Amino acid sequence: MRGIFVTLLAVNVLLLVWGFIAREPAVVELAPIKAFKYGGVAKLELLSEASGVNPPVSLQRSTAIDQPPTVDSLQDNKPLCEMVGVFKDQEQAGLLLERLEAIDIVAEIKEVELPAGSRYQIYLPPAPSRKAALRKLTELQAKKVDSYIIPKGNLENGISLGMFSQEVLAKDHLKKMQGIGLEPKMNVIERTYWEIWVMLAPGEGKKMSSLAWSRVLEGLNDIERRQNFCLDVAS
């Protein structure tokens, strides 16, 4: 009995499965796709295709640098002269000058002023009189301040509080004097010195050979030759 029931159940299951397989699938119809119309939209146009419009130009940054006009040196047109020196005195320079004149070389003795550096003076402004300067000097020396009265010049009757070769030292001393109640000032003194040279006129050095130079400089020790811009040498 149980076997018959199982057999019938299996047959029913097979029939059910067959029914699903044999059934035709339903056809699904898709709605037709309508073409989209770009109504009211203007046609795109490239800049290069547009009439009357130039294509964009790439901008290039100029690498050229404006150079200021060259300024010629004031000495460019000034001639060079042969210089001989330095001589210890006018007499020694005169000896060379005589030798040059003997061979028809135009030259002249020149005294050249050259810078010798600066000096820095710390001082108190001039007193109205010599007596007033002496009274002030006495007060300073009582405080053991090294000082003296300036005897002449633009600062006559002023009180010098020190002379220095370096500006930094002078400024330090200035602050020190201010610290004891004084009101000093600093005066910068430009120093110079003089050298004696014999300067040949423009172009005269070209007339001199090595032999000629050796003869005119004979016996003159520690004398050198150089070229420099002419200093109003007589021609």
Foldseek 3Di string as FASTA:
>chain_A
DVVVVVVVVVVVVVVVVVVVVPDDDDDDDDDDDDDDDPPPDDDDDDQVRDPPHHDDDDDDDDPDDDDDDDDDDPCPPFFKWKKKDQDPDPVVQVLLVVLCVVVPFAKDKDKDKDWDAKKKWKWAAADPDLVVLVVVVVVCVVVVQDWDADCDDPRHNIITRDMGRDPVVNVVVCVVVVVVPDNIDMDMDTDIDITMMMITDGPSVVVDDPVSVCVSCPPPPPMDMDMDGDDPGDD
